[in-house]
Amino acid sequence: MRFCPKCETSPLPFIVVVFVAGVSAFLTWLTLSYSEVETMILVAGSGGVFLAVFATLLHYVISCMKRHCRHGTSSEHQHGPAH
């Protein structure tokens, strides 16, 4: 990942992504454990939910950081003139 060096890249958005994905995986774990499924299905389901939520939110966070960068001429052309 290469962000604009002038933009501040705080680790907080990435920590929130991991936290939300972890909570989603935990809720999936609880739901599947009440269904009394096999351990392999329990681990695979929770891991799959974690990866899906993590990948989706990570993509969203990175695209927002790139979209809101106001440095350089290329981002000015993408956003158009300010009104």
PDB file of N, CA and C in Angstrom:
ATOM      1  N   MET A   1       0.842  -1.176   0.000  1.00  0.00           N
ATOM      2  CA  MET A   1       0.000   0.000   0.000  1.00  0.00           C
ATOM      3  C   MET A   1       0.885   1.236   0.000  1.00  0.00           C
ATOM      4  N   ARG A   2       0.649   2.088  -0.959  1.00  0.00           N
ATOM      5  CA  ARG A   2       1.403   3.324  -1.024  1.00  0.00           C
ATOM      6  C   ARG A   2       0.412   4.480  -0.957  1.00  0.00           C
ATOM      7  N   PHE A   3       0.459   5.205   0.137  1.00  0.00           N
ATOM      8  CA  PHE A   3      -0.388   6.368   0.302  1.00  0.00           C
ATOM      9  C   PHE A   3       0.439   7.615   0.025  1.00  0.00           C
ATOM     10  N   CYS A   4      -0.254   8.713  -0.125  1.00  0.00           N
ATOM     11  CA  CYS A   4       0.407   9.991  -0.321  1.00  0.00           C
ATOM     12  C   CYS A   4       1.259  10.286   0.921  1.00  0.00           C
ATOM     13  N   PRO A   5       2.543  10.642   0.747  1.00  0.00           N
ATOM     14  CA  PRO A   5       3.382  10.887   1.921  1.00  0.00           C
ATOM     15  C   PRO A   5       2.950  12.105   2.738  1.00  0.00           C
ATOM     16  N   LYS A   6       2.174  13.008   2.134  1.00  0.00           N
ATOM     17  CA  LYS A   6       1.727  14.188   2.869  1.00  0.00           C
ATOM     18  C   LYS A   6       0.505  13.898   3.735  1.00  0.00           C
ATOM     19  N   CYS A   7      -0.212  12.832   3.403  1.00  0.00           N
ATOM     20  CA  CYS A   7      -1.395  12.473   4.188  1.00  0.00           C
ATOM     21  C   CYS A   7      -0.974  11.717   5.440  1.00  0.00           C
ATOM     22  N   GLU A   8      -1.661  11.995   6.518  1.00  0.00           N
ATOM     23  CA  GLU A   8      -1.386  11.283   7.758  1.00  0.00           C
ATOM     24  C   GLU A   8      -2.076   9.918   7.684  1.00  0.00           C
ATOM     25  N   THR A   9      -1.317   8.859   7.906  1.00  0.00           N
ATOM     26  CA  THR A   9      -1.901   7.521   7.883  1.00  0.00           C
ATOM     27  C   THR A   9      -1.914   6.982   9.307  1.00  0.00           C
ATOM     28  N   SER A  10      -3.021   7.190   9.968  1.00  0.00           N
ATOM     29  CA  SER A  10      -3.209   6.714  11.335  1.00  0.00           C
ATOM     30  C   SER A  10      -3.560   5.234  11.313  1.00  0.00           C
ATOM     31  N   PRO A  11      -3.093   4.468  12.299  1.00  0.00           N
ATOM     32  CA  PRO A  11      -3.453   3.043  12.342  1.00  0.00           C
ATOM     33  C   PRO A  11      -4.875   2.800  12.854  1.00  0.00           C
ATOM     34  N   LEU A  12      -5.568   3.829  13.332  1.00  0.00           N
ATOM     35  CA  LEU A  12      -6.891   3.659  13.909  1.00  0.00           C
ATOM     36  C   LEU A  12      -7.910   3.043  12.947  1.00  0.00           C
ATOM     37  N   PRO A  13      -8.011   3.477  11.682  1.00  0.00           N
ATOM     38  CA  PRO A  13      -8.990   2.838  10.796  1.00  0.00           C
ATOM     39  C   PRO A  13      -8.729   1.342  10.613  1.00  0.00           C
ATOM     40  N   PHE A  14      -7.469   0.951  10.594  1.00  0.00           N
ATOM     41  CA  PHE A  14      -7.136  -0.457  10.412  1.00  0.00           C
ATOM     42  C   PHE A  14      -7.436  -1.264  11.682  1.00  0.00           C
ATOM     43  N   ILE A  15      -7.287  -0.638  12.834  1.00  0.00           N
ATOM     44  CA  ILE A  15      -7.641  -1.291  14.092  1.00  0.00           C
ATOM     45  C   ILE A  15      -9.152  -1.507  14.159  1.00  0.00           C
ATOM     46  N   VAL A  16      -9.918  -0.528  13.699  1.00  0.00           N
ATOM     47  CA  VAL A  16     -11.372  -0.656  13.683  1.00  0.00           C
ATOM     48  C   VAL A  16     -11.802  -1.772  12.730  1.00  0.00           C
ATOM     49  N   VAL A  17     -11.125  -1.902  11.589  1.00  0.00           N
ATOM     50  CA  VAL A  17     -11.431  -2.969  10.628  1.00  0.00           C
ATOM     51  C   VAL A  17     -11.230  -4.336  11.281  1.00  0.00           C
ATOM     52  N   VAL A  18     -10.104  -4.522  11.969  1.00  0.00           N
ATOM     53  CA  VAL A  18      -9.831  -5.802  12.628  1.00  0.00           C
ATOM     54  C   VAL A  18     -10.846  -6.056  13.745  1.00  0.00           C
ATOM     55  N   PHE A  19     -11.206  -5.016  14.490  1.00  0.00           N
ATOM     56  CA  PHE A  19     -12.167  -5.162  15.578  1.00  0.00           C
ATOM     57  C   PHE A  19     -13.549  -5.584  15.059  1.00  0.00           C
ATOM     58  N   VAL A  20     -14.035  -4.914  14.019  1.00  0.00           N
ATOM     59  CA  VAL A  20     -15.352  -5.239  13.468  1.00  0.00           C
ATOM     60  C   VAL A  20     -15.349  -6.644  12.876  1.00  0.00           C
ATOM     61  N   ALA A  21     -14.282  -7.012  12.187  1.00  0.00           N
ATOM     62  CA  ALA A  21     -14.190  -8.363  11.622  1.00  0.00           C
ATOM     63  C   ALA A  21     -14.131  -9.402  12.742  1.00  0.00           C
ATOM     64  N   GLY A  22     -13.428  -9.098  13.815  1.00  0.00           N
ATOM     65  CA  GLY A  22     -13.347 -10.008  14.951  1.00  0.00           C
ATOM     66  C   GLY A  22     -14.684 -10.200  15.645  1.00  0.00           C
ATOM     67  N   VAL A  23     -15.430  -9.120  15.824  1.00  0.00           N
ATOM     68  CA  VAL A  23     -16.756  -9.218  16.443  1.00  0.00           C
ATOM     69  C   VAL A  23     -17.692 -10.025  15.545  1.00  0.00           C
ATOM     70  N   SER A  24     -17.625  -9.808  14.247  1.00  0.00           N
ATOM     71  CA  SER A  24     -18.459 -10.575  13.316  1.00  0.00           C
ATOM     72  C   SER A  24     -18.122 -12.058  13.373  1.00  0.00           C
ATOM     73  N   ALA A  25     -16.840 -12.378  13.422  1.00  0.00           N
ATOM     74  CA  ALA A  25     -16.421 -13.775  13.502  1.00  0.00           C
ATOM     75  C   ALA A  25     -16.849 -14.395  14.828  1.00  0.00           C
ATOM     76  N   PHE A  26     -16.762 -13.636  15.902  1.00  0.00           N
ATOM     77  CA  PHE A  26     -17.180 -14.143  17.206  1.00  0.00           C
ATOM     78  C   PHE A  26     -18.677 -14.429  17.247  1.00  0.00           C
ATOM     79  N   LEU A  27     -19.475 -13.534  16.678  1.00  0.00           N
ATOM     80  CA  LEU A  27     -20.922 -13.765  16.633  1.00  0.00           C
ATOM     81  C   LEU A  27     -21.255 -14.980  15.770  1.00  0.00           C
ATOM     82  N   THR A  28     -20.506 -15.168  14.692  1.00  0.00           N
ATOM     83  CA  THR A  28     -20.697 -16.355  13.866  1.00  0.00           C
ATOM     84  C   THR A  28     -20.325 -17.605  14.645  1.00  0.00           C
ATOM     85  N   TRP A  29     -19.233 -17.540  15.388  1.00  0.00           N
ATOM     86  CA  TRP A  29     -18.805 -18.668  16.224  1.00  0.00           C
ATOM     87  C   TRP A  29     -19.905 -19.035  17.228  1.00  0.00           C
ATOM     88  N   LEU A  30     -20.464 -18.025  17.891  1.00  0.00           N
ATOM     89  CA  LEU A  30     -21.523 -18.290  18.860  1.00  0.00           C
ATOM     90  C   LEU A  30     -22.758 -18.891  18.200  1.00  0.00           C
ATOM     91  N   THR A  31     -23.136 -18.351  17.063  1.00  0.00           N
ATOM     92  CA  THR A  31     -24.319 -18.856  16.368  1.00  0.00           C
ATOM     93  C   THR A  31     -24.129 -20.299  15.924  1.00  0.00           C
ATOM     94  N   LEU A  32     -22.971 -20.599  15.363  1.00  0.00           N
ATOM     95  CA  LEU A  32     -22.715 -21.960  14.902  1.00  0.00           C
ATOM     96  C   LEU A  32     -22.538 -22.931  16.071  1.00  0.00           C
ATOM     97  N   SER A  33     -21.995 -22.460  17.173  1.00  0.00           N
ATOM     98  CA  SER A  33     -21.816 -23.357  18.316  1.00  0.00           C
ATOM     99  C   SER A  33     -23.159 -23.725  18.945  1.00  0.00           C
ATOM    100  N   TYR A  34     -24.145 -22.830  18.900  1.00  0.00           N
ATOM    101  CA  TYR A  34     -25.479 -23.171  19.380  1.00  0.00           C
ATOM    102  C   TYR A  34     -26.178 -24.159  18.450  1.00  0.00           C
ATOM    103  N   SER A  35     -25.736 -24.199  17.191  1.00  0.00           N
ATOM    104  CA  SER A  35     -26.322 -25.136  16.232  1.00  0.00           C
ATOM    105  C   SER A  35     -25.706 -26.524  16.347  1.00  0.00           C
ATOM    106  N   GLU A  36     -24.704 -26.661  17.182  1.00  0.00           N
ATOM    107  CA  GLU A  36     -24.010 -27.922  17.429  1.00  0.00           C
ATOM    108  C   GLU A  36     -23.468 -28.547  16.149  1.00  0.00           C
ATOM    109  N   VAL A  37     -22.776 -27.732  15.351  1.00  0.00           N
ATOM    110  CA  VAL A  37     -22.131 -28.247  14.144  1.00  0.00           C
ATOM    111  C   VAL A  37     -20.749 -28.781  14.505  1.00  0.00           C
ATOM    112  N   GLU A  38     -20.124 -29.449  13.556  1.00  0.00           N
ATOM    113  CA  GLU A  38     -18.788 -29.990  13.787  1.00  0.00           C
ATOM    114  C   GLU A  38     -17.780 -28.863  13.976  1.00  0.00           C
ATOM    115  N   THR A  39     -16.681 -29.201  14.620  1.00  0.00           N
ATOM    116  CA  THR A  39     -15.647 -28.200  14.916  1.00  0.00           C
ATOM    117  C   THR A  39     -15.040 -27.619  13.642  1.00  0.00           C
ATOM    118  N   MET A  40     -14.843 -28.457  12.633  1.00  0.00           N
ATOM    119  CA  MET A  40     -14.251 -27.978  11.386  1.00  0.00           C
ATOM    120  C   MET A  40     -15.153 -26.952  10.706  1.00  0.00           C
ATOM    121  N   ILE A  41     -16.447 -27.186  10.702  1.00  0.00           N
ATOM    122  CA  ILE A  41     -17.395 -26.241  10.111  1.00  0.00           C
ATOM    123  C   ILE A  41     -17.439 -24.963  10.941  1.00  0.00           C
ATOM    124  N   LEU A  42     -17.343 -25.094  12.237  1.00  0.00           N
ATOM    125  CA  LEU A  42     -17.335 -23.945  13.139  1.00  0.00           C
ATOM    126  C   LEU A  42     -16.143 -23.034  12.862  1.00  0.00           C
ATOM    127  N   VAL A  43     -14.971 -23.638  12.751  1.00  0.00           N
ATOM    128  CA  VAL A  43     -13.751 -22.864  12.489  1.00  0.00           C
ATOM    129  C   VAL A  43     -13.771 -22.281  11.076  1.00  0.00           C
ATOM    130  N   ALA A  44     -14.181 -23.084  10.093  1.00  0.00           N
ATOM    131  CA  ALA A  44     -14.205 -22.608   8.706  1.00  0.00           C
ATOM    132  C   ALA A  44     -15.221 -21.478   8.521  1.00  0.00           C
ATOM    133  N   GLY A  45     -16.391 -21.614   9.126  1.00  0.00           N
ATOM    134  CA  GLY A  45     -17.409 -20.567   9.009  1.00  0.00           C
ATOM    135  C   GLY A  45     -16.983 -19.267   9.645  1.00  0.00           C
ATOM    136  N   SER A  46     -16.426 -19.359  10.843  1.00  0.00           N
ATOM    137  CA  SER A  46     -15.977 -18.147  11.542  1.00  0.00           C
ATOM    138  C   SER A  46     -14.798 -17.503  10.822  1.00  0.00           C
ATOM    139  N   GLY A  47     -13.872 -18.327  10.361  1.00  0.00           N
ATOM    140  CA  GLY A  47     -12.726 -17.797   9.614  1.00  0.00           C
ATOM    141  C   GLY A  47     -13.145 -17.165   8.300  1.00  0.00           C
ATOM    142  N   GLY A  48     -14.106 -17.789   7.628  1.00  0.00           N
ATOM    143  CA  GLY A  48     -14.603 -17.230   6.373  1.00  0.00           C
ATOM    144  C   GLY A  48     -15.292 -15.889   6.573  1.00  0.00           C
ATOM    145  N   VAL A  49     -16.080 -15.785   7.626  1.00  0.00           N
ATOM    146  CA  VAL A  49     -16.739 -14.510   7.922  1.00  0.00           C
ATOM    147  C   VAL A  49     -15.702 -13.453   8.268  1.00  0.00           C
ATOM    148  N   PHE A  50     -14.693 -13.823   9.065  1.00  0.00           N
ATOM    149  CA  PHE A  50     -13.647 -12.861   9.411  1.00  0.00           C
ATOM    150  C   PHE A  50     -12.952 -12.355   8.149  1.00  0.00           C
ATOM    151  N   LEU A  51     -12.555 -13.263   7.271  1.00  0.00           N
ATOM    152  CA  LEU A  51     -11.844 -12.857   6.052  1.00  0.00           C
ATOM    153  C   LEU A  51     -12.720 -12.015   5.126  1.00  0.00           C
ATOM    154  N   ALA A  52     -13.992 -12.381   4.993  1.00  0.00           N
ATOM    155  CA  ALA A  52     -14.883 -11.625   4.110  1.00  0.00           C
ATOM    156  C   ALA A  52     -15.121 -10.210   4.630  1.00  0.00           C
ATOM    157  N   VAL A  53     -15.401 -10.088   5.923  1.00  0.00           N
ATOM    158  CA  VAL A  53     -15.644  -8.761   6.506  1.00  0.00           C
ATOM    159  C   VAL A  53     -14.357  -7.945   6.500  1.00  0.00           C
ATOM    160  N   PHE A  54     -13.234  -8.577   6.849  1.00  0.00           N
ATOM    161  CA  PHE A  54     -11.952  -7.882   6.867  1.00  0.00           C
ATOM    162  C   PHE A  54     -11.594  -7.351   5.482  1.00  0.00           C
ATOM    163  N   ALA A  55     -11.714  -8.192   4.462  1.00  0.00           N
ATOM    164  CA  ALA A  55     -11.353  -7.779   3.095  1.00  0.00           C
ATOM    165  C   ALA A  55     -12.259  -6.665   2.597  1.00  0.00           C
ATOM    166  N   THR A  56     -13.548  -6.764   2.872  1.00  0.00           N
ATOM    167  CA  THR A  56     -14.486  -5.743   2.418  1.00  0.00           C
ATOM    168  C   THR A  56     -14.218  -4.400   3.093  1.00  0.00           C
ATOM    169  N   LEU A  57     -14.054  -4.412   4.403  1.00  0.00           N
ATOM    170  CA  LEU A  57     -13.806  -3.154   5.114  1.00  0.00           C
ATOM    171  C   LEU A  57     -12.432  -2.575   4.803  1.00  0.00           C
ATOM    172  N   LEU A  58     -11.433  -3.433   4.632  1.00  0.00           N
ATOM    173  CA  LEU A  58     -10.106  -2.939   4.278  1.00  0.00           C
ATOM    174  C   LEU A  58     -10.125  -2.260   2.916  1.00  0.00           C
ATOM    175  N   HIS A  59     -10.807  -2.855   1.963  1.00  0.00           N
ATOM    176  CA  HIS A  59     -10.948  -2.239   0.641  1.00  0.00           C
ATOM    177  C   HIS A  59     -11.641  -0.882   0.751  1.00  0.00           C
ATOM    178  N   TYR A  60     -12.686  -0.813   1.564  1.00  0.00           N
ATOM    179  CA  TYR A  60     -13.417   0.434   1.753  1.00  0.00           C
ATOM    180  C   TYR A  60     -12.537   1.513   2.377  1.00  0.00           C
ATOM    181  N   VAL A  61     -11.788   1.162   3.407  1.00  0.00           N
ATOM    182  CA  VAL A  61     -10.942   2.137   4.100  1.00  0.00           C
ATOM    183  C   VAL A  61      -9.853   2.654   3.165  1.00  0.00           C
ATOM    184  N   ILE A  62      -9.211   1.766   2.426  1.00  0.00           N
ATOM    185  CA  ILE A  62      -8.134   2.185   1.525  1.00  0.00           C
ATOM    186  C   ILE A  62      -8.678   3.061   0.401  1.00  0.00           C
ATOM    187  N   SER A  63      -9.832   2.697  -0.154  1.00  0.00           N
ATOM    188  CA  SER A  63     -10.386   3.518  -1.237  1.00  0.00           C
ATOM    189  C   SER A  63     -10.815   4.888  -0.723  1.00  0.00           C
ATOM    190  N   CYS A  64     -11.324   4.961   0.498  1.00  0.00           N
ATOM    191  CA  CYS A  64     -11.688   6.263   1.067  1.00  0.00           C
ATOM    192  C   CYS A  64     -10.457   7.128   1.310  1.00  0.00           C
ATOM    193  N   MET A  65      -9.380   6.513   1.784  1.00  0.00           N
ATOM    194  CA  MET A  65      -8.151   7.279   2.012  1.00  0.00           C
ATOM    195  C   MET A  65      -7.607   7.834   0.699  1.00  0.00           C
ATOM    196  N   LYS A  66      -7.661   7.038  -0.335  1.00  0.00           N
ATOM    197  CA  LYS A  66      -7.182   7.512  -1.646  1.00  0.00           C
ATOM    198  C   LYS A  66      -8.106   8.577  -2.213  1.00  0.00           C
ATOM    199  N   ARG A  67      -9.412   8.409  -2.046  1.00  0.00           N
ATOM    200  CA  ARG A  67     -10.380   9.343  -2.596  1.00  0.00           C
ATOM    201  C   ARG A  67     -10.297  10.704  -1.939  1.00  0.00           C
ATOM    202  N   HIS A  68     -10.030  10.752  -0.639  1.00  0.00           N
ATOM    203  CA  HIS A  68     -10.037  12.011   0.093  1.00  0.00           C
ATOM    204  C   HIS A  68      -8.675  12.690   0.149  1.00  0.00           C
ATOM    205  N   CYS A  69      -7.695  12.141  -0.530  1.00  0.00           N
ATOM    206  CA  CYS A  69      -6.379  12.788  -0.599  1.00  0.00           C
ATOM    207  C   CYS A  69      -6.479  14.013  -1.485  1.00  0.00           C
ATOM    208  N   ARG A  70      -6.063  15.142  -0.993  1.00  0.00           N
ATOM    209  CA  ARG A  70      -6.141  16.402  -1.748  1.00  0.00           C
ATOM    210  C   ARG A  70      -4.769  16.897  -2.194  1.00  0.00           C
ATOM    211  N   HIS A  71      -3.772  16.032  -2.176  1.00  0.00           N
ATOM    212  CA  HIS A  71      -2.418  16.440  -2.545  1.00  0.00           C
ATOM    213  C   HIS A  71      -2.116  16.012  -3.971  1.00  0.00           C
ATOM    214  N   GLY A  72      -1.393  16.841  -4.688  1.00  0.00           N
ATOM    215  CA  GLY A  72      -0.943  16.483  -6.030  1.00  0.00           C
ATOM    216  C   GLY A  72      -1.951  16.858  -7.100  1.00  0.00           C
ATOM    217  N   THR A  73      -1.471  16.896  -8.327  1.00  0.00           N
ATOM    218  CA  THR A  73      -2.318  17.315  -9.439  1.00  0.00           C
ATOM    219  C   THR A  73      -3.238  16.201  -9.906  1.00  0.00           C
ATOM    220  N   SER A  74      -2.832  14.957  -9.750  1.00  0.00           N
ATOM    221  CA  SER A  74      -3.677  13.866 -10.258  1.00  0.00           C
ATOM    222  C   SER A  74      -4.968  13.761  -9.457  1.00  0.00           C
ATOM    223  N   SER A  75      -4.928  14.026  -8.153  1.00  0.00           N
ATOM    224  CA  SER A  75      -6.161  13.928  -7.370  1.00  0.00           C
ATOM    225  C   SER A  75      -7.070  15.115  -7.652  1.00  0.00           C
ATOM    226  N   GLU A  76      -6.510  16.264  -8.020  1.00  0.00           N
ATOM    227  CA  GLU A  76      -7.350  17.404  -8.365  1.00  0.00           C
ATOM    228  C   GLU A  76      -8.122  17.134  -9.652  1.00  0.00           C
ATOM    229  N   HIS A  77      -7.490  16.433 -10.584  1.00  0.00           N
ATOM    230  CA  HIS A  77      -8.187  16.115 -11.834  1.00  0.00           C
ATOM    231  C   HIS A  77      -9.284  15.081 -11.608  1.00  0.00           C
ATOM    232  N   GLN A  78      -9.079  14.177 -10.666  1.00  0.00           N
ATOM    233  CA  GLN A  78     -10.085  13.157 -10.395  1.00  0.00           C
ATOM    234  C   GLN A  78     -11.299  13.749  -9.706  1.00  0.00           C
ATOM    235  N   HIS A  79     -11.087  14.722  -8.831  1.00  0.00           N
ATOM    236  CA  HIS A  79     -12.182  15.272  -8.044  1.00  0.00           C
ATOM    237  C   HIS A  79     -12.876  16.436  -8.735  1.00  0.00           C
ATOM    238  N   GLY A  80     -12.225  17.037  -9.709  1.00  0.00           N
ATOM    239  CA  GLY A  80     -12.803  18.177 -10.376  1.00  0.00           C
ATOM    240  C   GLY A  80     -12.587  19.448  -9.574  1.00  0.00           C
ATOM    241  N   PRO A  81     -13.028  20.584 -10.097  1.00  0.00           N
ATOM    242  CA  PRO A  81     -12.823  21.853  -9.376  1.00  0.00           C
ATOM    243  C   PRO A  81     -13.739  21.948  -8.163  1.00  0.00           C
ATOM    244  N   ALA A  82     -13.228  22.629  -7.151  1.00  0.00           N
ATOM    245  CA  ALA A  82     -13.999  22.822  -5.906  1.00  0.00           C
ATOM    246  C   ALA A  82     -15.026  23.909  -6.142  1.00  0.00           C
ATOM    247  N   HIS A  83     -16.211  23.722  -5.594  1.00  0.00           N
ATOM    248  CA  HIS A  83     -17.285  24.732  -5.762  1.00  0.00           C
ATOM    249  C   HIS A  83     -17.490  25.461  -4.482  1.00  0.00           C
TER     250      HIS A  83
END
